[in-house]
Amino acid sequence: MAILSFDAMGEDITESAEMTLGMSLLASKRPAWNPSNSSVDYYYWYFGTEAMKLVGGVFEKKWREGLAQALTVHQLGGEGLHGSFPAVDAWSDSKATVHATVMATLALQAVQPTNSQTR
């Protein structure tokens, strides 16, 4: 959030030692699926994805790969839940499948190039 906030205020995030440290830390803690140790965090993954888009380069590429690995293989497929994501993240109640799916989908959507990036 700090990276996104600094950018929103018009600060050059690449000129700040603190932001550089934050970006390195974020890049080292890429998305990973392990519900037993609370590593599933849809909010972190969404906002981290938005921050990594600002960073770009190899950090963003590795983040995208981690996110794809963490999410795409864990979509639910049966009992009317096709395409949803399980509510196993740090913030969801066990019955909050809609919430989990919204946050996971936002994270996946954020890694897609914008129209201006595809031109």
PDB file of N, CA and C in Angstrom:
ATOM      1  N   MET A   1       0.828  -1.187   0.000  1.00  0.00           N
ATOM      2  CA  MET A   1       0.000   0.000   0.000  1.00  0.00           C
ATOM      3  C   MET A   1       0.872   1.250   0.000  1.00  0.00           C
ATOM      4  N   ALA A   2       1.998   1.208   0.698  1.00  0.00           N
ATOM      5  CA  ALA A   2       2.878   2.380   0.744  1.00  0.00           C
ATOM      6  C   ALA A   2       3.389   2.715  -0.648  1.00  0.00           C
ATOM      7  N   ILE A   3       3.760   1.707  -1.416  1.00  0.00           N
ATOM      8  CA  ILE A   3       4.255   1.932  -2.777  1.00  0.00           C
ATOM      9  C   ILE A   3       3.167   2.589  -3.614  1.00  0.00           C
ATOM     10  N   LEU A   4       1.953   2.068  -3.544  1.00  0.00           N
ATOM     11  CA  LEU A   4       0.837   2.630  -4.309  1.00  0.00           C
ATOM     12  C   LEU A   4       0.501   4.046  -3.835  1.00  0.00           C
ATOM     13  N   SER A   5       0.553   4.271  -2.534  1.00  0.00           N
ATOM     14  CA  SER A   5       0.248   5.593  -1.985  1.00  0.00           C
ATOM     15  C   SER A   5       1.280   6.625  -2.417  1.00  0.00           C
ATOM     16  N   PHE A   6       2.553   6.273  -2.338  1.00  0.00           N
ATOM     17  CA  PHE A   6       3.595   7.201  -2.777  1.00  0.00           C
ATOM     18  C   PHE A   6       3.423   7.537  -4.249  1.00  0.00           C
ATOM     19  N   ASP A   7       3.132   6.533  -5.058  1.00  0.00           N
ATOM     20  CA  ASP A   7       2.931   6.770  -6.484  1.00  0.00           C
ATOM     21  C   ASP A   7       1.721   7.668  -6.720  1.00  0.00           C
ATOM     22  N   ALA A   8       0.637   7.423  -5.994  1.00  0.00           N
ATOM     23  CA  ALA A   8      -0.582   8.232  -6.149  1.00  0.00           C
ATOM     24  C   ALA A   8      -0.355   9.691  -5.773  1.00  0.00           C
ATOM     25  N   MET A   9       0.601   9.923  -4.865  1.00  0.00           N
ATOM     26  CA  MET A   9       0.920  11.300  -4.462  1.00  0.00           C
ATOM     27  C   MET A   9       1.907  11.962  -5.422  1.00  0.00           C
ATOM     28  N   GLY A  10       2.286  11.238  -6.472  1.00  0.00           N
ATOM     29  CA  GLY A  10       3.183  11.807  -7.466  1.00  0.00           C
ATOM     30  C   GLY A  10       4.655  11.659  -7.130  1.00  0.00           C
ATOM     31  N   GLU A  11       4.964  10.879  -6.105  1.00  0.00           N
ATOM     32  CA  GLU A  11       6.361  10.665  -5.726  1.00  0.00           C
ATOM     33  C   GLU A  11       7.001   9.657  -6.678  1.00  0.00           C
ATOM     34  N   ASP A  12       8.277   9.840  -6.946  1.00  0.00           N
ATOM     35  CA  ASP A  12       9.021   8.882  -7.754  1.00  0.00           C
ATOM     36  C   ASP A  12       9.479   7.753  -6.839  1.00  0.00           C
ATOM     37  N   ILE A  13       8.831   6.608  -6.949  1.00  0.00           N
ATOM     38  CA  ILE A  13       9.118   5.513  -6.035  1.00  0.00           C
ATOM     39  C   ILE A  13      10.517   4.948  -6.237  1.00  0.00           C
ATOM     40  N   THR A  14      11.117   5.179  -7.392  1.00  0.00           N
ATOM     41  CA  THR A  14      12.463   4.654  -7.638  1.00  0.00           C
ATOM     42  C   THR A  14      13.541   5.523  -7.005  1.00  0.00           C
ATOM     43  N   GLU A  15      13.180   6.722  -6.547  1.00  0.00           N
ATOM     44  CA  GLU A  15      14.146   7.638  -5.937  1.00  0.00           C
ATOM     45  C   GLU A  15      14.212   7.526  -4.422  1.00  0.00           C
ATOM     46  N   SER A  16      13.348   6.729  -3.834  1.00  0.00           N
ATOM     47  CA  SER A  16      13.278   6.610  -2.378  1.00  0.00           C
ATOM     48  C   SER A  16      13.938   5.306  -1.921  1.00  0.00           C
ATOM     49  N   ALA A  17      14.892   5.415  -1.006  1.00  0.00           N
ATOM     50  CA  ALA A  17      15.551   4.221  -0.481  1.00  0.00           C
ATOM     51  C   ALA A  17      14.541   3.316   0.224  1.00  0.00           C
ATOM     52  N   GLU A  18      13.584   3.928   0.928  1.00  0.00           N
ATOM     53  CA  GLU A  18      12.578   3.143   1.634  1.00  0.00           C
ATOM     54  C   GLU A  18      11.674   2.392   0.657  1.00  0.00           C
ATOM     55  N   MET A  19      11.295   3.051  -0.428  1.00  0.00           N
ATOM     56  CA  MET A  19      10.430   2.403  -1.414  1.00  0.00           C
ATOM     57  C   MET A  19      11.193   1.295  -2.139  1.00  0.00           C
ATOM     58  N   THR A  20      12.461   1.524  -2.421  1.00  0.00           N
ATOM     59  CA  THR A  20      13.279   0.491  -3.062  1.00  0.00           C
ATOM     60  C   THR A  20      13.366  -0.735  -2.164  1.00  0.00           C
ATOM     61  N   LEU A  21      13.562  -0.522  -0.879  1.00  0.00           N
ATOM     62  CA  LEU A  21      13.591  -1.621   0.078  1.00  0.00           C
ATOM     63  C   LEU A  21      12.236  -2.327   0.118  1.00  0.00           C
ATOM     64  N   GLY A  22      11.163  -1.543   0.125  1.00  0.00           N
ATOM     65  CA  GLY A  22       9.813  -2.113   0.124  1.00  0.00           C
ATOM     66  C   GLY A  22       9.537  -2.940  -1.124  1.00  0.00           C
ATOM     67  N   MET A  23       9.983  -2.440  -2.284  1.00  0.00           N
ATOM     68  CA  MET A  23       9.780  -3.176  -3.529  1.00  0.00           C
ATOM     69  C   MET A  23      10.563  -4.487  -3.518  1.00  0.00           C
ATOM     70  N   SER A  24      11.771  -4.450  -2.969  1.00  0.00           N
ATOM     71  CA  SER A  24      12.578  -5.671  -2.883  1.00  0.00           C
ATOM     72  C   SER A  24      11.921  -6.686  -1.953  1.00  0.00           C
ATOM     73  N   LEU A  25      11.399  -6.215  -0.835  1.00  0.00           N
ATOM     74  CA  LEU A  25      10.716  -7.096   0.107  1.00  0.00           C
ATOM     75  C   LEU A  25       9.468  -7.709  -0.530  1.00  0.00           C
ATOM     76  N   LEU A  26       8.687  -6.879  -1.201  1.00  0.00           N
ATOM     77  CA  LEU A  26       7.485  -7.354  -1.880  1.00  0.00           C
ATOM     78  C   LEU A  26       7.851  -8.401  -2.930  1.00  0.00           C
ATOM     79  N   ALA A  27       8.887  -8.125  -3.708  1.00  0.00           N
ATOM     80  CA  ALA A  27       9.308  -9.060  -4.752  1.00  0.00           C
ATOM     81  C   ALA A  27       9.781 -10.388  -4.169  1.00  0.00           C
ATOM     82  N   SER A  28      10.321 -10.354  -2.963  1.00  0.00           N
ATOM     83  CA  SER A  28      10.812 -11.591  -2.349  1.00  0.00           C
ATOM     84  C   SER A  28       9.690 -12.407  -1.704  1.00  0.00           C
ATOM     85  N   LYS A  29       8.524 -11.812  -1.541  1.00  0.00           N
ATOM     86  CA  LYS A  29       7.389 -12.505  -0.909  1.00  0.00           C
ATOM     87  C   LYS A  29       6.246 -12.620  -1.911  1.00  0.00           C
ATOM     88  N   ARG A  30       6.552 -13.336  -2.996  1.00  0.00           N
ATOM     89  CA  ARG A  30       5.570 -13.524  -4.065  1.00  0.00           C
ATOM     90  C   ARG A  30       4.427 -14.434  -3.605  1.00  0.00           C
ATOM     91  N   PRO A  31       3.308 -14.369  -4.312  1.00  0.00           N
ATOM     92  CA  PRO A  31       2.171 -15.220  -3.956  1.00  0.00           C
ATOM     93  C   PRO A  31       2.554 -16.704  -3.930  1.00  0.00           C
ATOM     94  N   ALA A  32       2.077 -17.384  -2.918  1.00  0.00           N
ATOM     95  CA  ALA A  32       2.281 -18.830  -2.784  1.00  0.00           C
ATOM     96  C   ALA A  32       1.039 -19.415  -2.114  1.00  0.00           C
ATOM     97  N   TRP A  33       0.629 -20.570  -2.565  1.00  0.00           N
ATOM     98  CA  TRP A  33      -0.584 -21.195  -2.039  1.00  0.00           C
ATOM     99  C   TRP A  33      -0.221 -22.187  -0.945  1.00  0.00           C
ATOM    100  N   ASN A  34      -0.508 -21.829   0.283  1.00  0.00           N
ATOM    101  CA  ASN A  34      -0.314 -22.720   1.415  1.00  0.00           C
ATOM    102  C   ASN A  34      -1.255 -22.271   2.534  1.00  0.00           C
ATOM    103  N   PRO A  35      -2.516 -22.701   2.476  1.00  0.00           N
ATOM    104  CA  PRO A  35      -3.491 -22.255   3.476  1.00  0.00           C
ATOM    105  C   PRO A  35      -3.107 -22.590   4.915  1.00  0.00           C
ATOM    106  N   SER A  36      -2.310 -23.612   5.124  1.00  0.00           N
ATOM    107  CA  SER A  36      -1.984 -24.008   6.489  1.00  0.00           C
ATOM    108  C   SER A  36      -1.059 -23.014   7.193  1.00  0.00           C
ATOM    109  N   ASN A  37      -0.319 -22.198   6.439  1.00  0.00           N
ATOM    110  CA  ASN A  37       0.541 -21.202   7.097  1.00  0.00           C
ATOM    111  C   ASN A  37       0.094 -19.766   6.798  1.00  0.00           C
ATOM    112  N   SER A  38      -1.134 -19.608   6.381  1.00  0.00           N
ATOM    113  CA  SER A  38      -1.733 -18.293   6.095  1.00  0.00           C
ATOM    114  C   SER A  38      -1.027 -17.526   4.987  1.00  0.00           C
ATOM    115  N   SER A  39      -0.387 -18.226   4.050  1.00  0.00           N
ATOM    116  CA  SER A  39       0.256 -17.517   2.943  1.00  0.00           C
ATOM    117  C   SER A  39      -0.753 -17.075   1.888  1.00  0.00           C
ATOM    118  N   VAL A  40      -1.952 -17.610   1.910  1.00  0.00           N
ATOM    119  CA  VAL A  40      -2.985 -17.188   0.963  1.00  0.00           C
ATOM    120  C   VAL A  40      -3.587 -15.891   1.489  1.00  0.00           C
ATOM    121  N   ASP A  41      -3.385 -14.819   0.741  1.00  0.00           N
ATOM    122  CA  ASP A  41      -3.878 -13.506   1.158  1.00  0.00           C
ATOM    123  C   ASP A  41      -4.289 -12.732  -0.092  1.00  0.00           C
ATOM    124  N   TYR A  42      -5.563 -12.832  -0.434  1.00  0.00           N
ATOM    125  CA  TYR A  42      -6.049 -12.227  -1.672  1.00  0.00           C
ATOM    126  C   TYR A  42      -5.856 -10.711  -1.699  1.00  0.00           C
ATOM    127  N   TYR A  43      -6.013 -10.050  -0.558  1.00  0.00           N
ATOM    128  CA  TYR A  43      -5.787  -8.600  -0.518  1.00  0.00           C
ATOM    129  C   TYR A  43      -4.330  -8.289  -0.845  1.00  0.00           C
ATOM    130  N   TYR A  44      -3.414  -8.940  -0.195  1.00  0.00           N
ATOM    131  CA  TYR A  44      -1.982  -8.738  -0.437  1.00  0.00           C
ATOM    132  C   TYR A  44      -1.656  -9.005  -1.899  1.00  0.00           C
ATOM    133  N   TRP A  45      -2.221 -10.076  -2.437  1.00  0.00           N
ATOM    134  CA  TRP A  45      -1.931 -10.411  -3.827  1.00  0.00           C
ATOM    135  C   TRP A  45      -2.458  -9.351  -4.783  1.00  0.00           C
ATOM    136  N   TYR A  46      -3.646  -8.811  -4.523  1.00  0.00           N
ATOM    137  CA  TYR A  46      -4.191  -7.774  -5.396  1.00  0.00           C
ATOM    138  C   TYR A  46      -3.354  -6.492  -5.326  1.00  0.00           C
ATOM    139  N   PHE A  47      -3.146  -5.976  -4.117  1.00  0.00           N
ATOM    140  CA  PHE A  47      -2.403  -4.730  -3.995  1.00  0.00           C
ATOM    141  C   PHE A  47      -0.934  -4.913  -4.357  1.00  0.00           C
ATOM    142  N   GLY A  48      -0.387  -6.079  -4.078  1.00  0.00           N
ATOM    143  CA  GLY A  48       0.974  -6.374  -4.498  1.00  0.00           C
ATOM    144  C   GLY A  48       1.105  -6.394  -6.006  1.00  0.00           C
ATOM    145  N   THR A  49       0.096  -6.923  -6.674  1.00  0.00           N
ATOM    146  CA  THR A  49       0.098  -6.945  -8.140  1.00  0.00           C
ATOM    147  C   THR A  49       0.069  -5.526  -8.701  1.00  0.00           C
ATOM    148  N   GLU A  50      -0.771  -4.680  -8.118  1.00  0.00           N
ATOM    149  CA  GLU A  50      -0.827  -3.283  -8.563  1.00  0.00           C
ATOM    150  C   GLU A  50       0.520  -2.594  -8.356  1.00  0.00           C
ATOM    151  N   ALA A  51       1.175  -2.854  -7.226  1.00  0.00           N
ATOM    152  CA  ALA A  51       2.486  -2.255  -6.951  1.00  0.00           C
ATOM    153  C   ALA A  51       3.543  -2.798  -7.909  1.00  0.00           C
ATOM    154  N   MET A  52       3.500  -4.088  -8.171  1.00  0.00           N
ATOM    155  CA  MET A  52       4.490  -4.687  -9.073  1.00  0.00           C
ATOM    156  C   MET A  52       4.356  -4.150 -10.495  1.00  0.00           C
ATOM    157  N   LYS A  53       3.146  -3.759 -10.888  1.00  0.00           N
ATOM    158  CA  LYS A  53       2.982  -3.139 -12.212  1.00  0.00           C
ATOM    159  C   LYS A  53       3.787  -1.845 -12.287  1.00  0.00           C
ATOM    160  N   LEU A  54       3.900  -1.130 -11.184  1.00  0.00           N
ATOM    161  CA  LEU A  54       4.688   0.097 -11.153  1.00  0.00           C
ATOM    162  C   LEU A  54       6.179  -0.204 -11.214  1.00  0.00           C
ATOM    163  N   VAL A  55       6.578  -1.307 -10.607  1.00  0.00           N
ATOM    164  CA  VAL A  55       7.983  -1.696 -10.543  1.00  0.00           C
ATOM    165  C   VAL A  55       8.457  -2.201 -11.901  1.00  0.00           C
ATOM    166  N   GLY A  56       7.671  -3.118 -12.480  1.00  0.00           N
ATOM    167  CA  GLY A  56       8.005  -3.660 -13.787  1.00  0.00           C
ATOM    168  C   GLY A  56       9.195  -4.612 -13.766  1.00  0.00           C
ATOM    169  N   GLY A  57       9.679  -4.920 -14.945  1.00  0.00           N
ATOM    170  CA  GLY A  57      10.872  -5.732 -15.099  1.00  0.00           C
ATOM    171  C   GLY A  57      10.743  -7.151 -14.572  1.00  0.00           C
ATOM    172  N   VAL A  58      11.875  -7.686 -14.168  1.00  0.00           N
ATOM    173  CA  VAL A  58      11.938  -9.079 -13.721  1.00  0.00           C
ATOM    174  C   VAL A  58      11.142  -9.291 -12.439  1.00  0.00           C
ATOM    175  N   PHE A  59      11.082  -8.283 -11.558  1.00  0.00           N
ATOM    176  CA  PHE A  59      10.282  -8.415 -10.333  1.00  0.00           C
ATOM    177  C   PHE A  59       8.818  -8.647 -10.677  1.00  0.00           C
ATOM    178  N   GLU A  60       8.296  -7.837 -11.599  1.00  0.00           N
ATOM    179  CA  GLU A  60       6.897  -7.990 -11.990  1.00  0.00           C
ATOM    180  C   GLU A  60       6.667  -9.341 -12.662  1.00  0.00           C
ATOM    181  N   LYS A  61       7.584  -9.750 -13.510  1.00  0.00           N
ATOM    182  CA  LYS A  61       7.446 -11.029 -14.218  1.00  0.00           C
ATOM    183  C   LYS A  61       7.371 -12.184 -13.217  1.00  0.00           C
ATOM    184  N   LYS A  62       8.256 -12.195 -12.238  1.00  0.00           N
ATOM    185  CA  LYS A  62       8.257 -13.277 -11.252  1.00  0.00           C
ATOM    186  C   LYS A  62       7.003 -13.231 -10.384  1.00  0.00           C
ATOM    187  N   TRP A  63       6.541 -12.020 -10.069  1.00  0.00           N
ATOM    188  CA  TRP A  63       5.302 -11.873  -9.287  1.00  0.00           C
ATOM    189  C   TRP A  63       4.128 -12.466 -10.065  1.00  0.00           C
ATOM    190  N   ARG A  64       4.033 -12.111 -11.360  1.00  0.00           N
ATOM    191  CA  ARG A  64       2.951 -12.632 -12.197  1.00  0.00           C
ATOM    192  C   ARG A  64       2.972 -14.154 -12.243  1.00  0.00           C
ATOM    193  N   GLU A  65       4.165 -14.718 -12.389  1.00  0.00           N
ATOM    194  CA  GLU A  65       4.290 -16.172 -12.435  1.00  0.00           C
ATOM    195  C   GLU A  65       3.829 -16.803 -11.124  1.00  0.00           C
ATOM    196  N   GLY A  66       4.242 -16.221 -10.008  1.00  0.00           N
ATOM    197  CA  GLY A  66       3.818 -16.730  -8.707  1.00  0.00           C
ATOM    198  C   GLY A  66       2.318 -16.639  -8.517  1.00  0.00           C
ATOM    199  N   LEU A  67       1.739 -15.526  -8.946  1.00  0.00           N
ATOM    200  CA  LEU A  67       0.293 -15.344  -8.822  1.00  0.00           C
ATOM    201  C   LEU A  67      -0.455 -16.364  -9.672  1.00  0.00           C
ATOM    202  N   ALA A  68      -0.007 -16.548 -10.907  1.00  0.00           N
ATOM    203  CA  ALA A  68      -0.656 -17.520 -11.791  1.00  0.00           C
ATOM    204  C   ALA A  68      -0.577 -18.925 -11.199  1.00  0.00           C
ATOM    205  N   GLN A  69       0.591 -19.291 -10.672  1.00  0.00           N
ATOM    206  CA  GLN A  69       0.735 -20.611 -10.054  1.00  0.00           C
ATOM    207  C   GLN A  69      -0.170 -20.752  -8.835  1.00  0.00           C
ATOM    208  N   ALA A  70      -0.246 -19.717  -8.045  1.00  0.00           N
ATOM    209  CA  ALA A  70      -1.033 -19.780  -6.812  1.00  0.00           C
ATOM    210  C   ALA A  70      -2.526 -19.858  -7.088  1.00  0.00           C
ATOM    211  N   LEU A  71      -2.999 -19.135  -8.079  1.00  0.00           N
ATOM    212  CA  LEU A  71      -4.445 -19.030  -8.265  1.00  0.00           C
ATOM    213  C   LEU A  71      -5.043 -19.975  -9.302  1.00  0.00           C
ATOM    214  N   THR A  72      -4.462 -20.068 -10.464  1.00  0.00           N
ATOM    215  CA  THR A  72      -5.158 -20.768 -11.544  1.00  0.00           C
ATOM    216  C   THR A  72      -5.420 -22.241 -11.257  1.00  0.00           C
ATOM    217  N   VAL A  73      -4.559 -22.891 -10.511  1.00  0.00           N
ATOM    218  CA  VAL A  73      -4.780 -24.310 -10.231  1.00  0.00           C
ATOM    219  C   VAL A  73      -5.716 -24.543  -9.049  1.00  0.00           C
ATOM    220  N   HIS A  74      -6.090 -23.469  -8.353  1.00  0.00           N
ATOM    221  CA  HIS A  74      -6.936 -23.636  -7.171  1.00  0.00           C
ATOM    222  C   HIS A  74      -8.365 -23.136  -7.358  1.00  0.00           C
ATOM    223  N   GLN A  75      -8.738 -22.845  -8.600  1.00  0.00           N
ATOM    224  CA  GLN A  75     -10.129 -22.480  -8.829  1.00  0.00           C
ATOM    225  C   GLN A  75     -10.999 -23.696  -8.567  1.00  0.00           C
ATOM    226  N   LEU A  76     -12.162 -23.437  -8.012  1.00  0.00           N
ATOM    227  CA  LEU A  76     -13.103 -24.519  -7.722  1.00  0.00           C
ATOM    228  C   LEU A  76     -13.816 -24.916  -9.001  1.00  0.00           C
ATOM    229  N   GLY A  77     -14.243 -26.167  -9.081  1.00  0.00           N
ATOM    230  CA  GLY A  77     -14.817 -26.622 -10.331  1.00  0.00           C
ATOM    231  C   GLY A  77     -16.142 -27.330 -10.243  1.00  0.00           C
ATOM    232  N   GLY A  78     -16.676 -27.543  -9.094  1.00  0.00           N
ATOM    233  CA  GLY A  78     -17.917 -28.315  -9.039  1.00  0.00           C
ATOM    234  C   GLY A  78     -18.957 -27.715  -8.131  1.00  0.00           C
ATOM    235  N   GLU A  79     -20.079 -28.380  -8.079  1.00  0.00           N
ATOM    236  CA  GLU A  79     -21.183 -28.026  -7.193  1.00  0.00           C
ATOM    237  C   GLU A  79     -21.604 -26.564  -7.295  1.00  0.00           C
ATOM    238  N   GLY A  80     -21.703 -26.053  -8.515  1.00  0.00           N
ATOM    239  CA  GLY A  80     -22.137 -24.675  -8.724  1.00  0.00           C
ATOM    240  C   GLY A  80     -21.091 -23.639  -8.399  1.00  0.00           C
ATOM    241  N   LEU A  81     -19.879 -24.059  -8.129  1.00  0.00           N
ATOM    242  CA  LEU A  81     -18.816 -23.125  -7.769  1.00  0.00           C
ATOM    243  C   LEU A  81     -17.776 -22.976  -8.876  1.00  0.00           C
ATOM    244  N   HIS A  82     -18.074 -23.455 -10.072  1.00  0.00           N
ATOM    245  CA  HIS A  82     -17.110 -23.443 -11.167  1.00  0.00           C
ATOM    246  C   HIS A  82     -16.539 -22.033 -11.372  1.00  0.00           C
ATOM    247  N   GLY A  83     -15.228 -21.926 -11.294  1.00  0.00           N
ATOM    248  CA  GLY A  83     -14.557 -20.642 -11.496  1.00  0.00           C
ATOM    249  C   GLY A  83     -14.349 -19.838 -10.231  1.00  0.00           C
ATOM    250  N   SER A  84     -14.919 -20.260  -9.116  1.00  0.00           N
ATOM    251  CA  SER A  84     -14.732 -19.525  -7.862  1.00  0.00           C
ATOM    252  C   SER A  84     -13.414 -19.916  -7.221  1.00  0.00           C
ATOM    253  N   PHE A  85     -13.095 -19.186  -6.162  1.00  0.00           N
ATOM    254  CA  PHE A  85     -11.894 -19.475  -5.388  1.00  0.00           C
ATOM    255  C   PHE A  85     -12.308 -19.770  -3.948  1.00  0.00           C
ATOM    256  N   PRO A  86     -11.615 -20.696  -3.312  1.00  0.00           N
ATOM    257  CA  PRO A  86     -11.982 -21.045  -1.940  1.00  0.00           C
ATOM    258  C   PRO A  86     -11.656 -19.921  -0.958  1.00  0.00           C
ATOM    259  N   ALA A  87     -12.469 -19.803   0.042  1.00  0.00           N
ATOM    260  CA  ALA A  87     -12.277 -18.780   1.078  1.00  0.00           C
ATOM    261  C   ALA A  87     -11.317 -19.315   2.136  1.00  0.00           C
ATOM    262  N   VAL A  88     -10.064 -19.416   1.761  1.00  0.00           N
ATOM    263  CA  VAL A  88      -9.045 -19.944   2.673  1.00  0.00           C
ATOM    264  C   VAL A  88      -7.982 -18.898   2.991  1.00  0.00           C
ATOM    265  N   ASP A  89      -8.220 -17.666   2.577  1.00  0.00           N
ATOM    266  CA  ASP A  89      -7.205 -16.641   2.806  1.00  0.00           C
ATOM    267  C   ASP A  89      -7.264 -16.125   4.236  1.00  0.00           C
ATOM    268  N   ALA A  90      -6.340 -15.275   4.545  1.00  0.00           N
ATOM    269  CA  ALA A  90      -6.182 -14.777   5.913  1.00  0.00           C
ATOM    270  C   ALA A  90      -7.374 -13.961   6.406  1.00  0.00           C
ATOM    271  N   TRP A  91      -8.203 -13.450   5.508  1.00  0.00           N
ATOM    272  CA  TRP A  91      -9.245 -12.510   5.903  1.00  0.00           C
ATOM    273  C   TRP A  91     -10.662 -13.025   5.691  1.00  0.00           C
ATOM    274  N   SER A  92     -10.839 -14.143   5.023  1.00  0.00           N
ATOM    275  CA  SER A  92     -12.183 -14.625   4.692  1.00  0.00           C
ATOM    276  C   SER A  92     -12.727 -15.599   5.716  1.00  0.00           C
ATOM    277  N   ASP A  93     -14.006 -15.465   5.963  1.00  0.00           N
ATOM    278  CA  ASP A  93     -14.735 -16.480   6.709  1.00  0.00           C
ATOM    279  C   ASP A  93     -14.837 -17.698   5.789  1.00  0.00           C
ATOM    280  N   SER A  94     -14.942 -18.865   6.345  1.00  0.00           N
ATOM    281  CA  SER A  94     -14.953 -20.087   5.536  1.00  0.00           C
ATOM    282  C   SER A  94     -16.096 -20.141   4.535  1.00  0.00           C
ATOM    283  N   LYS A  95     -17.132 -19.342   4.735  1.00  0.00           N
ATOM    284  CA  LYS A  95     -18.265 -19.332   3.809  1.00  0.00           C
ATOM    285  C   LYS A  95     -18.253 -18.120   2.877  1.00  0.00           C
ATOM    286  N   ALA A  96     -17.160 -17.412   2.822  1.00  0.00           N
ATOM    287  CA  ALA A  96     -17.077 -16.174   2.041  1.00  0.00           C
ATOM    288  C   ALA A  96     -16.487 -16.409   0.652  1.00  0.00           C
ATOM    289  N   THR A  97     -17.010 -17.399  -0.045  1.00  0.00           N
ATOM    290  CA  THR A  97     -16.490 -17.739  -1.367  1.00  0.00           C
ATOM    291  C   THR A  97     -16.626 -16.582  -2.343  1.00  0.00           C
ATOM    292  N   VAL A  98     -17.714 -15.833  -2.273  1.00  0.00           N
ATOM    293  CA  VAL A  98     -17.893 -14.701  -3.189  1.00  0.00           C
ATOM    294  C   VAL A  98     -16.800 -13.656  -2.955  1.00  0.00           C
ATOM    295  N   HIS A  99     -16.554 -13.333  -1.707  1.00  0.00           N
ATOM    296  CA  HIS A  99     -15.513 -12.364  -1.371  1.00  0.00           C
ATOM    297  C   HIS A  99     -14.144 -12.850  -1.867  1.00  0.00           C
ATOM    298  N   ALA A 100     -13.814 -14.100  -1.592  1.00  0.00           N
ATOM    299  CA  ALA A 100     -12.532 -14.658  -2.019  1.00  0.00           C
ATOM    300  C   ALA A 100     -12.410 -14.612  -3.537  1.00  0.00           C
ATOM    301  N   THR A 101     -13.494 -14.945  -4.226  1.00  0.00           N
ATOM    302  CA  THR A 101     -13.473 -14.961  -5.683  1.00  0.00           C
ATOM    303  C   THR A 101     -13.293 -13.559  -6.247  1.00  0.00           C
ATOM    304  N   VAL A 102     -13.950 -12.580  -5.663  1.00  0.00           N
ATOM    305  CA  VAL A 102     -13.797 -11.191  -6.119  1.00  0.00           C
ATOM    306  C   VAL A 102     -12.345 -10.741  -5.977  1.00  0.00           C
ATOM    307  N   MET A 103     -11.742 -10.954  -4.819  1.00  0.00           N
ATOM    308  CA  MET A 103     -10.373 -10.493  -4.595  1.00  0.00           C
ATOM    309  C   MET A 103      -9.369 -11.245  -5.471  1.00  0.00           C
ATOM    310  N   ALA A 104      -9.546 -12.549  -5.612  1.00  0.00           N
ATOM    311  CA  ALA A 104      -8.645 -13.334  -6.461  1.00  0.00           C
ATOM    312  C   ALA A 104      -8.776 -12.910  -7.920  1.00  0.00           C
ATOM    313  N   THR A 105     -10.004 -12.666  -8.356  1.00  0.00           N
ATOM    314  CA  THR A 105     -10.229 -12.238  -9.737  1.00  0.00           C
ATOM    315  C   THR A 105      -9.641 -10.855  -9.984  1.00  0.00           C
ATOM    316  N   LEU A 106      -9.787  -9.945  -9.024  1.00  0.00           N
ATOM    317  CA  LEU A 106      -9.164  -8.619  -9.163  1.00  0.00           C
ATOM    318  C   LEU A 106      -7.648  -8.732  -9.298  1.00  0.00           C
ATOM    319  N   ALA A 107      -7.040  -9.622  -8.525  1.00  0.00           N
ATOM    320  CA  ALA A 107      -5.591  -9.822  -8.619  1.00  0.00           C
ATOM    321  C   ALA A 107      -5.213 -10.347  -9.995  1.00  0.00           C
ATOM    322  N   LEU A 108      -5.956 -11.328 -10.492  1.00  0.00           N
ATOM    323  CA  LEU A 108      -5.671 -11.863 -11.820  1.00  0.00           C
ATOM    324  C   LEU A 108      -5.900 -10.824 -12.904  1.00  0.00           C
ATOM    325  N   GLN A 109      -6.947 -10.029 -12.743  1.00  0.00           N
ATOM    326  CA  GLN A 109      -7.238  -8.983 -13.717  1.00  0.00           C
ATOM    327  C   GLN A 109      -6.139  -7.930 -13.718  1.00  0.00           C
ATOM    328  N   ALA A 110      -5.579  -7.637 -12.571  1.00  0.00           N
ATOM    329  CA  ALA A 110      -4.550  -6.598 -12.458  1.00  0.00           C
ATOM    330  C   ALA A 110      -3.283  -6.980 -13.212  1.00  0.00           C
ATOM    331  N   VAL A 111      -3.010  -8.266 -13.411  1.00  0.00           N
ATOM    332  CA  VAL A 111      -1.802  -8.648 -14.138  1.00  0.00           C
ATOM    333  C   VAL A 111      -1.971  -8.556 -15.644  1.00  0.00           C
ATOM    334  N   GLN A 112      -3.194  -8.346 -16.093  1.00  0.00           N
ATOM    335  CA  GLN A 112      -3.424  -8.209 -17.521  1.00  0.00           C
ATOM    336  C   GLN A 112      -2.967  -6.832 -17.996  1.00  0.00           C
ATOM    337  N   PRO A 113      -2.353  -6.763 -19.173  1.00  0.00           N
ATOM    338  CA  PRO A 113      -1.926  -5.452 -19.675  1.00  0.00           C
ATOM    339  C   PRO A 113      -3.125  -4.551 -19.940  1.00  0.00           C
ATOM    340  N   THR A 114      -2.962  -3.256 -19.678  1.00  0.00           N
ATOM    341  CA  THR A 114      -4.018  -2.299 -19.977  1.00  0.00           C
ATOM    342  C   THR A 114      -4.008  -2.006 -21.466  1.00  0.00           C
ATOM    343  N   ASN A 115      -5.049  -1.326 -21.956  1.00  0.00           N
ATOM    344  CA  ASN A 115      -5.114  -0.991 -23.378  1.00  0.00           C
ATOM    345  C   ASN A 115      -3.901  -0.188 -23.825  1.00  0.00           C
ATOM    346  N   SER A 116      -3.432   0.735 -22.968  1.00  0.00           N
ATOM    347  CA  SER A 116      -2.292   1.560 -23.349  1.00  0.00           C
ATOM    348  C   SER A 116      -0.999   0.743 -23.411  1.00  0.00           C
ATOM    349  N   GLN A 117      -0.928  -0.376 -22.648  1.00  0.00           N
ATOM    350  CA  GLN A 117       0.268  -1.207 -22.667  1.00  0.00           C
ATOM    351  C   GLN A 117       0.299  -2.127 -23.879  1.00  0.00           C
ATOM    352  N   THR A 118      -0.847  -2.365 -24.504  1.00  0.00           N
ATOM    353  CA  THR A 118      -0.905  -3.283 -25.649  1.00  0.00           C
ATOM    354  C   THR A 118      -0.755  -2.559 -26.971  1.00  0.00           C
ATOM    355  N   ARG A 119      -0.709  -1.265 -26.966  1.00  0.00           N
ATOM    356  CA  ARG A 119      -0.593  -0.500 -28.223  1.00  0.00           C
ATOM    357  C   ARG A 119       0.824  -0.321 -28.640  1.00  0.00           C
TER     358      ARG A 119
END
